[in-house]
Amino acid sequence: MKKTVCGALACSALAALAMMTAPAMAQEPLRGKQAGDIVVGFGAIGVLPQSGGRVDAIGGRPDASDTVTPQLDVTYFVTPNIALNLIAATTRHDVQVRGSALGNVDLGRVWALPPTLTLQYHPLPQSRVSPYVGAGINYTLFYGEGGGRTPPVTKVDVENSWGWALNMGVDYAVTPQWGINVDVKKLFLRPDVSVNGGAIGARADLDPWIVGAAVRYRF
């Protein structure tokens, strides 16, 4: 599943790049990144949680499904080399416990809203192909717990959680205003989970990869 999600996003990015860059290469000058630039992007991300953590009483391993969703992001350049990036998206995941004393236990579904702020370093701000690396912080809000559950599970609460983020990606300048972006983030996210009002406690070591491709516009 993770390979399918990553492959679909990569194909989308390459298709967009092929359509936009052919005429632009010969016609458009290169502007480069400048202090004060505000860049808004719209694209798609794949959120790929890892399977891990602990479950009290019944044992087993928490697991959350992969998902693809639209994403909006905003980047502000403090200097040509230093930028702040904020992403906003919401995703739905099916959750379960695998290999417990009760077998595989479905916990229903949960929605996640993971705004992530990273400080990025762009070593080649005047290049048409401009890579970057970054690090930052994430706060994920979990909401909308519901769906079908394996008896005797009747209620599941996933606690909101802070986490660290690592980031790398590349920008491609198509015109002075328009560009293509491919971005990868690694979140270190490990929320607590309460089942049946605290009868069973758990911690889900999600630590998701977030892989995305977007079209961006510079103001």
N, C-alpha and C. Protein backbone atom coordinates (compact mmCIF):
# COMPACT_ATOMS: atom_id res chain seq x y z
N MET A 1 0.83 -1.21 0.00
CA MET A 1 0.00 0.00 0.00
C MET A 1 0.86 1.24 0.00
N LYS A 2 1.91 1.26 0.83
CA LYS A 2 2.77 2.44 0.88
C LYS A 2 3.43 2.68 -0.46
N LYS A 3 3.88 1.61 -1.16
CA LYS A 3 4.50 1.78 -2.46
C LYS A 3 3.49 2.30 -3.46
N THR A 4 2.21 1.84 -3.39
CA THR A 4 1.17 2.32 -4.29
C THR A 4 0.91 3.80 -4.09
N VAL A 5 0.80 4.25 -2.84
CA VAL A 5 0.56 5.66 -2.55
C VAL A 5 1.71 6.51 -3.05
N CYS A 6 2.94 6.13 -2.73
CA CYS A 6 4.11 6.90 -3.15
C CYS A 6 4.21 6.94 -4.66
N GLY A 7 3.92 5.80 -5.35
CA GLY A 7 4.00 5.75 -6.79
C GLY A 7 2.99 6.66 -7.44
N ALA A 8 1.77 6.69 -6.92
CA ALA A 8 0.73 7.55 -7.48
C ALA A 8 1.10 9.02 -7.35
N LEU A 9 1.64 9.41 -6.20
CA LEU A 9 2.03 10.81 -6.01
C LEU A 9 3.19 11.17 -6.92
N ALA A 10 4.16 10.26 -7.06
CA ALA A 10 5.31 10.53 -7.93
C ALA A 10 4.86 10.70 -9.38
N CYS A 11 3.95 9.84 -9.86
CA CYS A 11 3.45 9.95 -11.22
C CYS A 11 2.71 11.26 -11.44
N SER A 12 1.93 11.70 -10.45
CA SER A 12 1.21 12.96 -10.55
C SER A 12 2.18 14.13 -10.67
N ALA A 13 3.23 14.10 -9.85
CA ALA A 13 4.22 15.18 -9.88
C ALA A 13 4.94 15.23 -11.21
N LEU A 14 5.33 14.06 -11.74
CA LEU A 14 6.05 14.03 -13.00
C LEU A 14 5.15 14.47 -14.16
N ALA A 15 3.88 14.07 -14.12
CA ALA A 15 2.96 14.49 -15.18
C ALA A 15 2.78 16.01 -15.18
N ALA A 16 2.60 16.58 -13.98
CA ALA A 16 2.44 18.04 -13.89
C ALA A 16 3.71 18.75 -14.35
N LEU A 17 4.85 18.20 -13.98
CA LEU A 17 6.13 18.80 -14.37
C LEU A 17 6.29 18.78 -15.88
N ALA A 18 5.93 17.67 -16.51
CA ALA A 18 6.08 17.55 -17.96
C ALA A 18 5.19 18.55 -18.69
N MET A 19 3.97 18.74 -18.21
CA MET A 19 3.04 19.66 -18.87
C MET A 19 3.45 21.12 -18.72
N MET A 20 4.02 21.45 -17.56
CA MET A 20 4.27 22.86 -17.26
C MET A 20 5.64 23.35 -17.68
N THR A 21 6.65 22.47 -17.69
CA THR A 21 8.01 22.93 -17.85
C THR A 21 8.47 23.03 -19.30
N ALA A 22 7.90 22.28 -20.22
CA ALA A 22 8.39 22.27 -21.60
C ALA A 22 8.41 23.66 -22.22
N PRO A 23 7.29 24.41 -22.20
CA PRO A 23 7.36 25.75 -22.77
C PRO A 23 8.06 26.76 -21.88
N ALA A 24 8.07 26.50 -20.57
CA ALA A 24 8.61 27.49 -19.64
C ALA A 24 10.12 27.59 -19.70
N MET A 25 10.79 26.47 -20.00
CA MET A 25 12.25 26.46 -19.96
C MET A 25 12.84 27.50 -20.91
N ALA A 26 12.25 27.64 -22.10
CA ALA A 26 12.82 28.55 -23.09
C ALA A 26 12.31 29.97 -22.94
N GLN A 27 11.16 30.15 -22.30
CA GLN A 27 10.50 31.44 -22.33
C GLN A 27 10.63 32.24 -21.03
N GLU A 28 10.71 31.58 -19.90
CA GLU A 28 10.61 32.27 -18.63
C GLU A 28 11.98 32.46 -17.97
N PRO A 29 12.30 33.67 -17.50
CA PRO A 29 13.53 33.88 -16.77
C PRO A 29 13.45 33.27 -15.38
N LEU A 30 14.59 33.09 -14.76
CA LEU A 30 14.64 32.55 -13.40
C LEU A 30 14.72 33.70 -12.42
N ARG A 31 13.78 33.75 -11.49
CA ARG A 31 13.75 34.84 -10.51
C ARG A 31 14.51 34.49 -9.25
N GLY A 32 14.42 33.25 -8.81
CA GLY A 32 15.04 32.86 -7.54
C GLY A 32 14.17 33.24 -6.36
N LYS A 33 14.56 32.76 -5.19
CA LYS A 33 13.81 33.02 -3.96
C LYS A 33 14.34 34.28 -3.29
N GLN A 34 13.42 35.06 -2.73
CA GLN A 34 13.80 36.33 -2.11
C GLN A 34 13.14 36.46 -0.76
N ALA A 35 13.79 37.24 0.12
CA ALA A 35 13.21 37.52 1.43
C ALA A 35 11.85 38.19 1.26
N GLY A 36 10.88 37.75 2.06
CA GLY A 36 9.53 38.31 1.98
C GLY A 36 8.60 37.56 1.06
N ASP A 37 9.10 36.60 0.28
CA ASP A 37 8.23 35.82 -0.59
C ASP A 37 7.22 35.02 0.24
N ILE A 38 5.99 34.98 -0.24
CA ILE A 38 4.96 34.12 0.33
C ILE A 38 4.52 33.17 -0.78
N VAL A 39 4.66 31.87 -0.52
CA VAL A 39 4.36 30.85 -1.52
C VAL A 39 3.24 29.96 -0.99
N VAL A 40 2.19 29.83 -1.79
CA VAL A 40 1.04 29.00 -1.41
C VAL A 40 0.99 27.79 -2.34
N GLY A 41 0.83 26.62 -1.75
CA GLY A 41 0.80 25.40 -2.54
C GLY A 41 -0.48 24.60 -2.33
N PHE A 42 -0.90 23.91 -3.38
CA PHE A 42 -2.04 23.01 -3.27
C PHE A 42 -1.69 21.71 -3.98
N GLY A 43 -1.87 20.60 -3.28
CA GLY A 43 -1.51 19.32 -3.87
C GLY A 43 -2.14 18.17 -3.12
N ALA A 44 -1.45 17.04 -3.15
CA ALA A 44 -1.95 15.84 -2.47
C ALA A 44 -0.82 15.22 -1.67
N ILE A 45 -1.18 14.62 -0.53
CA ILE A 45 -0.20 13.94 0.30
C ILE A 45 -0.66 12.52 0.59
N GLY A 46 0.29 11.64 0.75
CA GLY A 46 0.04 10.31 1.29
C GLY A 46 0.54 10.28 2.71
N VAL A 47 -0.32 9.89 3.65
CA VAL A 47 0.05 9.79 5.06
C VAL A 47 0.20 8.29 5.37
N LEU A 48 1.40 7.90 5.75
CA LEU A 48 1.75 6.48 5.86
C LEU A 48 2.19 6.16 7.29
N PRO A 49 1.26 5.85 8.18
CA PRO A 49 1.63 5.54 9.57
C PRO A 49 2.40 4.22 9.66
N GLN A 50 3.23 4.13 10.68
CA GLN A 50 3.92 2.89 10.98
C GLN A 50 3.06 2.08 11.96
N SER A 51 3.34 0.80 12.08
CA SER A 51 2.63 -0.06 13.03
C SER A 51 3.51 -0.30 14.24
N GLY A 52 3.03 0.09 15.41
CA GLY A 52 3.81 -0.13 16.62
C GLY A 52 3.15 0.50 17.83
N GLY A 53 3.71 0.23 18.98
CA GLY A 53 3.18 0.74 20.23
C GLY A 53 2.90 -0.38 21.21
N ARG A 54 2.05 -0.09 22.18
CA ARG A 54 1.72 -1.09 23.20
C ARG A 54 0.22 -1.03 23.49
N VAL A 55 -0.31 -2.16 23.94
CA VAL A 55 -1.71 -2.25 24.35
C VAL A 55 -1.74 -2.96 25.70
N ASP A 56 -2.30 -2.31 26.71
CA ASP A 56 -2.40 -2.91 28.03
C ASP A 56 -3.42 -4.06 28.03
N ALA A 57 -3.26 -4.96 28.93
CA ALA A 57 -4.21 -6.05 29.21
C ALA A 57 -4.25 -7.12 28.13
N ILE A 58 -4.54 -6.75 26.88
CA ILE A 58 -4.71 -7.78 25.84
C ILE A 58 -3.49 -7.89 24.92
N GLY A 59 -2.51 -6.99 25.04
CA GLY A 59 -1.34 -7.04 24.19
C GLY A 59 -1.67 -6.71 22.74
N GLY A 60 -0.74 -7.00 21.84
CA GLY A 60 -0.94 -6.72 20.43
C GLY A 60 -0.26 -5.44 19.98
N ARG A 61 -0.45 -5.11 18.71
CA ARG A 61 0.24 -3.97 18.09
C ARG A 61 -0.77 -3.04 17.44
N PRO A 62 -0.82 -1.76 17.84
CA PRO A 62 -1.72 -0.81 17.17
C PRO A 62 -1.33 -0.63 15.71
N ASP A 63 -2.35 -0.42 14.87
CA ASP A 63 -2.12 -0.27 13.44
C ASP A 63 -3.13 0.73 12.88
N ALA A 64 -2.66 1.63 12.01
CA ALA A 64 -3.53 2.61 11.35
C ALA A 64 -3.29 2.54 9.85
N SER A 65 -4.37 2.70 9.08
CA SER A 65 -4.28 2.57 7.63
C SER A 65 -3.63 3.78 6.98
N ASP A 66 -3.05 3.57 5.79
CA ASP A 66 -2.55 4.65 4.96
C ASP A 66 -3.72 5.41 4.34
N THR A 67 -3.47 6.65 3.95
CA THR A 67 -4.52 7.42 3.29
C THR A 67 -3.91 8.51 2.42
N VAL A 68 -4.68 8.98 1.43
CA VAL A 68 -4.28 10.08 0.55
C VAL A 68 -5.32 11.19 0.69
N THR A 69 -4.87 12.45 0.74
CA THR A 69 -5.80 13.56 0.93
C THR A 69 -5.22 14.83 0.31
N PRO A 70 -6.06 15.83 -0.04
CA PRO A 70 -5.55 17.13 -0.48
C PRO A 70 -4.82 17.85 0.65
N GLN A 71 -3.91 18.73 0.27
CA GLN A 71 -3.17 19.51 1.27
C GLN A 71 -2.97 20.94 0.78
N LEU A 72 -3.07 21.87 1.70
CA LEU A 72 -2.73 23.26 1.47
C LEU A 72 -1.50 23.59 2.32
N ASP A 73 -0.53 24.30 1.73
CA ASP A 73 0.63 24.72 2.52
C ASP A 73 1.03 26.15 2.18
N VAL A 74 1.64 26.81 3.15
CA VAL A 74 2.10 28.19 2.99
C VAL A 74 3.55 28.27 3.44
N THR A 75 4.39 28.91 2.63
CA THR A 75 5.80 29.09 2.96
C THR A 75 6.13 30.58 2.96
N TYR A 76 6.80 31.02 4.02
CA TYR A 76 7.26 32.43 4.10
C TYR A 76 8.78 32.44 4.18
N PHE A 77 9.41 33.20 3.27
CA PHE A 77 10.87 33.27 3.23
C PHE A 77 11.36 34.45 4.07
N VAL A 78 12.02 34.12 5.18
CA VAL A 78 12.62 35.13 6.06
C VAL A 78 13.83 35.74 5.36
N THR A 79 14.62 34.89 4.73
CA THR A 79 15.74 35.27 3.87
C THR A 79 15.65 34.38 2.64
N PRO A 80 16.49 34.59 1.62
CA PRO A 80 16.45 33.67 0.48
C PRO A 80 16.75 32.22 0.87
N ASN A 81 17.49 32.01 1.96
CA ASN A 81 17.88 30.66 2.37
C ASN A 81 16.99 30.06 3.46
N ILE A 82 16.33 30.90 4.25
CA ILE A 82 15.59 30.43 5.42
C ILE A 82 14.09 30.69 5.23
N ALA A 83 13.29 29.65 5.45
CA ALA A 83 11.84 29.79 5.26
C ALA A 83 11.09 29.04 6.36
N LEU A 84 9.87 29.49 6.61
CA LEU A 84 8.94 28.80 7.50
C LEU A 84 7.82 28.21 6.65
N ASN A 85 7.51 26.94 6.88
CA ASN A 85 6.48 26.26 6.11
C ASN A 85 5.42 25.68 7.04
N LEU A 86 4.15 25.90 6.72
CA LEU A 86 3.04 25.38 7.50
C LEU A 86 2.12 24.59 6.59
N ILE A 87 1.81 23.35 6.98
CA ILE A 87 0.90 22.53 6.19
C ILE A 87 -0.42 22.35 6.93
N ALA A 88 -1.50 22.21 6.14
CA ALA A 88 -2.83 21.96 6.71
C ALA A 88 -3.53 20.91 5.86
N ALA A 89 -3.99 19.86 6.50
CA ALA A 89 -4.73 18.79 5.83
C ALA A 89 -5.44 17.99 6.90
N THR A 90 -6.43 17.21 6.49
CA THR A 90 -7.08 16.31 7.43
C THR A 90 -7.23 14.94 6.77
N THR A 91 -7.05 13.88 7.54
CA THR A 91 -7.04 12.53 6.99
C THR A 91 -7.90 11.60 7.84
N ARG A 92 -8.43 10.55 7.20
CA ARG A 92 -9.20 9.54 7.92
C ARG A 92 -8.46 8.22 7.88
N HIS A 93 -8.39 7.56 9.04
CA HIS A 93 -7.66 6.29 9.15
C HIS A 93 -8.53 5.23 9.82
N ASP A 94 -8.47 4.00 9.29
CA ASP A 94 -9.03 2.85 9.99
C ASP A 94 -7.98 2.37 10.99
N VAL A 95 -8.41 2.08 12.23
CA VAL A 95 -7.47 1.68 13.28
C VAL A 95 -7.87 0.33 13.85
N GLN A 96 -6.87 -0.42 14.26
CA GLN A 96 -7.12 -1.72 14.86
C GLN A 96 -5.93 -2.14 15.71
N VAL A 97 -6.11 -3.20 16.46
CA VAL A 97 -5.02 -3.84 17.19
C VAL A 97 -4.80 -5.21 16.56
N ARG A 98 -3.58 -5.47 16.14
CA ARG A 98 -3.25 -6.75 15.51
C ARG A 98 -2.54 -7.67 16.51
N GLY A 99 -2.89 -8.94 16.45
CA GLY A 99 -2.17 -9.95 17.23
C GLY A 99 -2.37 -9.86 18.73
N SER A 100 -3.55 -9.40 19.16
CA SER A 100 -3.81 -9.34 20.61
C SER A 100 -4.26 -10.69 21.13
N ALA A 101 -4.50 -10.77 22.43
CA ALA A 101 -5.02 -12.00 23.03
C ALA A 101 -6.41 -12.32 22.50
N LEU A 102 -7.10 -11.32 21.94
CA LEU A 102 -8.43 -11.51 21.35
C LEU A 102 -8.36 -11.60 19.82
N GLY A 103 -7.16 -11.72 19.29
CA GLY A 103 -6.98 -11.70 17.85
C GLY A 103 -6.87 -10.28 17.33
N ASN A 104 -7.24 -10.07 16.07
CA ASN A 104 -7.25 -8.72 15.51
C ASN A 104 -8.54 -8.02 15.93
N VAL A 105 -8.40 -6.84 16.54
CA VAL A 105 -9.53 -6.11 17.10
C VAL A 105 -9.70 -4.79 16.34
N ASP A 106 -10.84 -4.62 15.66
CA ASP A 106 -11.12 -3.36 14.96
C ASP A 106 -11.55 -2.30 15.97
N LEU A 107 -10.93 -1.11 15.84
CA LEU A 107 -11.26 0.01 16.72
C LEU A 107 -12.03 1.10 15.99
N GLY A 108 -12.45 0.82 14.77
CA GLY A 108 -13.22 1.81 14.02
C GLY A 108 -12.33 2.73 13.20
N ARG A 109 -12.71 3.99 13.14
CA ARG A 109 -11.97 4.97 12.35
C ARG A 109 -11.75 6.22 13.20
N VAL A 110 -10.77 7.02 12.75
CA VAL A 110 -10.50 8.29 13.41
C VAL A 110 -10.00 9.28 12.36
N TRP A 111 -10.36 10.55 12.54
CA TRP A 111 -9.84 11.63 11.69
C TRP A 111 -8.69 12.32 12.41
N ALA A 112 -7.70 12.75 11.62
CA ALA A 112 -6.54 13.45 12.17
C ALA A 112 -6.33 14.77 11.44
N LEU A 113 -6.05 15.82 12.20
CA LEU A 113 -5.72 17.14 11.67
C LEU A 113 -4.32 17.48 12.19
N PRO A 114 -3.28 17.34 11.33
CA PRO A 114 -1.91 17.44 11.81
C PRO A 114 -1.15 18.69 11.34
N PRO A 115 -1.54 19.91 11.73
CA PRO A 115 -0.75 21.07 11.30
C PRO A 115 0.71 20.93 11.74
N THR A 116 1.61 21.19 10.79
CA THR A 116 3.04 20.99 11.04
C THR A 116 3.81 22.22 10.58
N LEU A 117 4.61 22.79 11.47
CA LEU A 117 5.42 23.96 11.16
C LEU A 117 6.89 23.56 11.13
N THR A 118 7.56 23.81 10.01
CA THR A 118 8.98 23.48 9.90
C THR A 118 9.79 24.72 9.51
N LEU A 119 11.01 24.76 10.01
CA LEU A 119 12.00 25.77 9.62
C LEU A 119 12.89 25.12 8.58
N GLN A 120 12.93 25.70 7.38
CA GLN A 120 13.63 25.08 6.26
C GLN A 120 14.88 25.87 5.87
N TYR A 121 15.89 25.12 5.41
CA TYR A 121 17.10 25.72 4.86
C TYR A 121 17.19 25.38 3.37
N HIS A 122 17.26 26.44 2.53
CA HIS A 122 17.34 26.29 1.08
C HIS A 122 18.75 26.69 0.64
N PRO A 123 19.64 25.72 0.37
CA PRO A 123 21.03 26.07 0.05
C PRO A 123 21.22 26.69 -1.32
N LEU A 124 20.27 26.46 -2.26
CA LEU A 124 20.40 26.97 -3.62
C LEU A 124 19.18 27.81 -4.00
N PRO A 125 18.97 28.94 -3.34
CA PRO A 125 17.73 29.71 -3.57
C PRO A 125 17.63 30.33 -4.95
N GLN A 126 18.74 30.47 -5.66
CA GLN A 126 18.71 31.07 -6.99
C GLN A 126 18.71 30.04 -8.11
N SER A 127 18.58 28.77 -7.74
CA SER A 127 18.58 27.69 -8.74
C SER A 127 17.15 27.33 -9.14
N ARG A 128 16.97 26.93 -10.40
CA ARG A 128 15.64 26.48 -10.84
C ARG A 128 15.22 25.22 -10.09
N VAL A 129 16.17 24.32 -9.87
CA VAL A 129 15.94 23.14 -9.04
C VAL A 129 16.53 23.44 -7.66
N SER A 130 15.67 23.61 -6.66
CA SER A 130 16.10 24.13 -5.36
C SER A 130 15.69 23.17 -4.24
N PRO A 131 16.64 22.35 -3.76
CA PRO A 131 16.33 21.43 -2.66
C PRO A 131 16.33 22.15 -1.31
N TYR A 132 15.79 21.48 -0.30
CA TYR A 132 15.81 22.05 1.05
C TYR A 132 15.70 20.93 2.07
N VAL A 133 16.11 21.27 3.29
CA VAL A 133 15.92 20.38 4.44
C VAL A 133 15.34 21.22 5.57
N GLY A 134 14.68 20.55 6.51
CA GLY A 134 14.07 21.31 7.59
C GLY A 134 13.74 20.44 8.79
N ALA A 135 13.34 21.10 9.86
CA ALA A 135 12.90 20.43 11.08
C ALA A 135 11.89 21.33 11.76
N GLY A 136 10.99 20.72 12.54
CA GLY A 136 9.98 21.53 13.19
C GLY A 136 9.14 20.75 14.17
N ILE A 137 7.91 21.21 14.33
CA ILE A 137 7.04 20.66 15.36
C ILE A 137 5.65 20.42 14.78
N ASN A 138 4.97 19.43 15.33
CA ASN A 138 3.64 19.05 14.88
C ASN A 138 2.70 18.93 16.08
N TYR A 139 1.45 19.33 15.89
CA TYR A 139 0.42 19.06 16.89
C TYR A 139 -0.76 18.43 16.17
N THR A 140 -1.05 17.19 16.45
CA THR A 140 -2.12 16.48 15.76
C THR A 140 -3.36 16.40 16.63
N LEU A 141 -4.49 16.85 16.06
CA LEU A 141 -5.79 16.74 16.72
C LEU A 141 -6.53 15.54 16.14
N PHE A 142 -6.97 14.64 17.00
CA PHE A 142 -7.74 13.48 16.59
C PHE A 142 -9.21 13.71 16.91
N TYR A 143 -10.08 13.41 15.97
CA TYR A 143 -11.50 13.67 16.18
C TYR A 143 -12.32 12.68 15.35
N GLY A 144 -13.63 12.66 15.60
CA GLY A 144 -14.53 11.86 14.78
C GLY A 144 -14.36 10.37 14.94
N GLU A 145 -13.95 9.93 16.14
CA GLU A 145 -13.81 8.49 16.34
C GLU A 145 -15.18 7.82 16.16
N GLY A 146 -15.21 6.73 15.41
CA GLY A 146 -16.48 6.05 15.15
C GLY A 146 -16.26 4.84 14.28
N GLY A 147 -17.33 4.42 13.58
CA GLY A 147 -17.25 3.28 12.69
C GLY A 147 -17.47 1.95 13.39
N GLY A 148 -17.34 0.86 12.63
CA GLY A 148 -17.54 -0.47 13.17
C GLY A 148 -16.40 -0.92 14.06
N ARG A 149 -16.77 -1.55 15.17
CA ARG A 149 -15.76 -2.01 16.14
C ARG A 149 -16.04 -3.45 16.53
N THR A 150 -14.96 -4.17 16.87
CA THR A 150 -15.08 -5.55 17.33
C THR A 150 -15.57 -5.58 18.77
N PRO A 151 -16.67 -6.29 19.07
CA PRO A 151 -17.10 -6.41 20.47
C PRO A 151 -15.96 -7.05 21.29
N PRO A 152 -15.77 -6.62 22.54
CA PRO A 152 -16.64 -5.75 23.33
C PRO A 152 -16.26 -4.27 23.27
N VAL A 153 -15.53 -3.82 22.23
CA VAL A 153 -15.14 -2.42 22.13
C VAL A 153 -16.36 -1.57 21.80
N THR A 154 -16.63 -0.57 22.62
CA THR A 154 -17.76 0.34 22.39
C THR A 154 -17.34 1.79 22.25
N LYS A 155 -16.16 2.14 22.76
CA LYS A 155 -15.72 3.53 22.72
C LYS A 155 -14.20 3.60 22.60
N VAL A 156 -13.73 4.48 21.74
CA VAL A 156 -12.29 4.68 21.53
C VAL A 156 -12.01 6.18 21.52
N ASP A 157 -11.03 6.60 22.30
CA ASP A 157 -10.60 7.99 22.32
C ASP A 157 -9.10 8.04 22.03
N VAL A 158 -8.72 8.79 20.98
CA VAL A 158 -7.31 9.00 20.67
C VAL A 158 -6.96 10.41 21.11
N GLU A 159 -5.97 10.53 21.98
CA GLU A 159 -5.62 11.83 22.55
C GLU A 159 -4.82 12.67 21.57
N ASN A 160 -5.10 13.98 21.55
CA ASN A 160 -4.27 14.91 20.78
C ASN A 160 -2.83 14.81 21.24
N SER A 161 -1.90 15.05 20.31
CA SER A 161 -0.49 14.79 20.65
C SER A 161 0.46 15.73 19.92
N TRP A 162 1.53 16.12 20.63
CA TRP A 162 2.65 16.86 20.04
C TRP A 162 3.64 15.87 19.46
N GLY A 163 4.40 16.33 18.46
CA GLY A 163 5.45 15.50 17.89
C GLY A 163 6.47 16.35 17.15
N TRP A 164 7.66 15.80 16.96
CA TRP A 164 8.70 16.46 16.18
C TRP A 164 8.56 16.09 14.71
N ALA A 165 9.13 16.92 13.83
CA ALA A 165 9.06 16.67 12.40
C ALA A 165 10.41 16.93 11.73
N LEU A 166 10.79 16.05 10.82
CA LEU A 166 11.93 16.26 9.93
C LEU A 166 11.40 16.40 8.51
N ASN A 167 12.09 17.15 7.67
CA ASN A 167 11.54 17.54 6.38
C ASN A 167 12.63 17.64 5.33
N MET A 168 12.34 17.19 4.13
CA MET A 168 13.21 17.43 2.99
C MET A 168 12.36 17.48 1.72
N GLY A 169 12.85 18.19 0.72
CA GLY A 169 12.08 18.28 -0.51
C GLY A 169 12.82 19.06 -1.57
N VAL A 170 12.14 19.34 -2.67
CA VAL A 170 12.75 20.10 -3.76
C VAL A 170 11.67 20.93 -4.44
N ASP A 171 12.02 22.15 -4.79
CA ASP A 171 11.17 23.05 -5.58
C ASP A 171 11.72 23.13 -6.99
N TYR A 172 10.81 23.20 -7.96
CA TYR A 172 11.21 23.43 -9.35
C TYR A 172 10.48 24.67 -9.84
N ALA A 173 11.25 25.70 -10.23
CA ALA A 173 10.67 26.97 -10.68
C ALA A 173 10.28 26.84 -12.15
N VAL A 174 8.98 26.85 -12.43
CA VAL A 174 8.49 26.77 -13.81
C VAL A 174 8.45 28.16 -14.44
N THR A 175 7.89 29.13 -13.71
CA THR A 175 7.88 30.54 -14.11
C THR A 175 8.27 31.33 -12.86
N PRO A 176 8.41 32.66 -12.96
CA PRO A 176 8.72 33.42 -11.75
C PRO A 176 7.66 33.27 -10.65
N GLN A 177 6.42 32.97 -11.02
CA GLN A 177 5.36 32.82 -10.02
C GLN A 177 4.99 31.36 -9.73
N TRP A 178 5.06 30.50 -10.73
CA TRP A 178 4.57 29.13 -10.57
C TRP A 178 5.71 28.13 -10.41
N GLY A 179 5.44 27.10 -9.61
CA GLY A 179 6.45 26.07 -9.42
C GLY A 179 5.83 24.73 -9.04
N ILE A 180 6.66 23.71 -9.05
CA ILE A 180 6.28 22.36 -8.64
C ILE A 180 7.09 22.00 -7.41
N ASN A 181 6.45 21.32 -6.46
CA ASN A 181 7.13 20.92 -5.23
C ASN A 181 6.89 19.43 -4.95
N VAL A 182 7.95 18.76 -4.53
CA VAL A 182 7.86 17.39 -4.00
C VAL A 182 8.45 17.43 -2.60
N ASP A 183 7.75 16.86 -1.62
CA ASP A 183 8.11 17.05 -0.22
C ASP A 183 7.91 15.75 0.57
N VAL A 184 8.82 15.50 1.49
CA VAL A 184 8.71 14.34 2.38
C VAL A 184 8.91 14.81 3.82
N LYS A 185 8.01 14.40 4.69
CA LYS A 185 8.15 14.69 6.12
C LYS A 185 8.09 13.39 6.92
N LYS A 186 8.82 13.36 8.01
CA LYS A 186 8.75 12.26 8.97
C LYS A 186 8.30 12.85 10.30
N LEU A 187 7.13 12.42 10.79
CA LEU A 187 6.62 12.88 12.07
C LEU A 187 6.90 11.82 13.14
N PHE A 188 7.28 12.27 14.31
CA PHE A 188 7.47 11.37 15.45
C PHE A 188 6.27 11.61 16.38
N LEU A 189 5.24 10.79 16.18
CA LEU A 189 3.92 11.02 16.75
C LEU A 189 3.44 9.76 17.47
N ARG A 190 3.19 9.87 18.79
CA ARG A 190 2.86 8.68 19.58
C ARG A 190 1.73 8.99 20.57
N PRO A 191 0.50 9.07 20.07
CA PRO A 191 -0.62 9.44 20.94
C PRO A 191 -1.05 8.31 21.87
N ASP A 192 -1.61 8.68 23.02
CA ASP A 192 -2.24 7.72 23.92
C ASP A 192 -3.65 7.43 23.42
N VAL A 193 -4.09 6.18 23.66
CA VAL A 193 -5.41 5.73 23.23
C VAL A 193 -6.14 5.12 24.42
N SER A 194 -7.40 5.48 24.57
CA SER A 194 -8.23 4.93 25.66
C SER A 194 -9.39 4.15 25.04
N VAL A 195 -9.58 2.90 25.49
CA VAL A 195 -10.64 2.04 24.99
C VAL A 195 -11.65 1.78 26.10
N ASN A 196 -12.93 1.94 25.77
CA ASN A 196 -14.02 1.72 26.74
C ASN A 196 -13.84 2.54 28.01
N GLY A 197 -13.59 3.83 27.81
CA GLY A 197 -13.48 4.74 28.94
C GLY A 197 -12.29 4.51 29.84
N GLY A 198 -11.23 3.92 29.32
CA GLY A 198 -10.02 3.69 30.10
C GLY A 198 -9.87 2.27 30.60
N ALA A 199 -10.81 1.38 30.26
CA ALA A 199 -10.68 -0.02 30.67
C ALA A 199 -9.42 -0.64 30.09
N ILE A 200 -9.05 -0.22 28.89
CA ILE A 200 -7.80 -0.65 28.25
C ILE A 200 -7.09 0.61 27.77
N GLY A 201 -5.84 0.75 28.14
CA GLY A 201 -5.03 1.86 27.68
C GLY A 201 -4.03 1.38 26.63
N ALA A 202 -3.60 2.30 25.79
CA ALA A 202 -2.65 1.94 24.74
C ALA A 202 -1.87 3.18 24.32
N ARG A 203 -0.77 2.95 23.63
CA ARG A 203 -0.02 4.03 22.98
C ARG A 203 0.27 3.58 21.56
N ALA A 204 -0.10 4.42 20.60
CA ALA A 204 0.11 4.10 19.19
C ALA A 204 1.35 4.83 18.69
N ASP A 205 2.38 4.08 18.33
CA ASP A 205 3.61 4.66 17.78
C ASP A 205 3.41 4.82 16.27
N LEU A 206 2.72 5.88 15.88
CA LEU A 206 2.35 6.08 14.48
C LEU A 206 3.55 6.49 13.62
N ASP A 207 4.31 7.48 14.08
CA ASP A 207 5.51 7.96 13.39
C ASP A 207 5.33 7.97 11.87
N PRO A 208 4.34 8.68 11.33
CA PRO A 208 4.02 8.56 9.91
C PRO A 208 5.02 9.27 9.00
N TRP A 209 5.17 8.73 7.80
CA TRP A 209 5.77 9.44 6.68
C TRP A 209 4.65 10.21 5.99
N ILE A 210 4.95 11.45 5.58
CA ILE A 210 4.02 12.25 4.78
C ILE A 210 4.72 12.61 3.48
N VAL A 211 4.22 12.06 2.38
CA VAL A 211 4.85 12.22 1.07
C VAL A 211 3.89 13.01 0.19
N GLY A 212 4.35 14.11 -0.39
CA GLY A 212 3.43 14.95 -1.13
C GLY A 212 4.00 15.56 -2.40
N ALA A 213 3.10 15.98 -3.27
CA ALA A 213 3.44 16.72 -4.48
C ALA A 213 2.43 17.85 -4.64
N ALA A 214 2.91 19.02 -5.07
CA ALA A 214 2.02 20.18 -5.12
C ALA A 214 2.43 21.14 -6.23
N VAL A 215 1.45 21.92 -6.66
CA VAL A 215 1.69 23.09 -7.50
C VAL A 215 1.70 24.30 -6.58
N ARG A 216 2.67 25.22 -6.77
CA ARG A 216 2.81 26.36 -5.88
C ARG A 216 2.79 27.68 -6.65
N TYR A 217 2.25 28.71 -5.98
CA TYR A 217 2.21 30.05 -6.55
C TYR A 217 2.85 31.02 -5.58
N ARG A 218 3.75 31.87 -6.12
CA ARG A 218 4.46 32.85 -5.30
C ARG A 218 3.82 34.22 -5.44
N PHE A 219 3.53 34.84 -4.29
CA PHE A 219 2.97 36.19 -4.28
C PHE A 219 4.09 37.22 -4.15
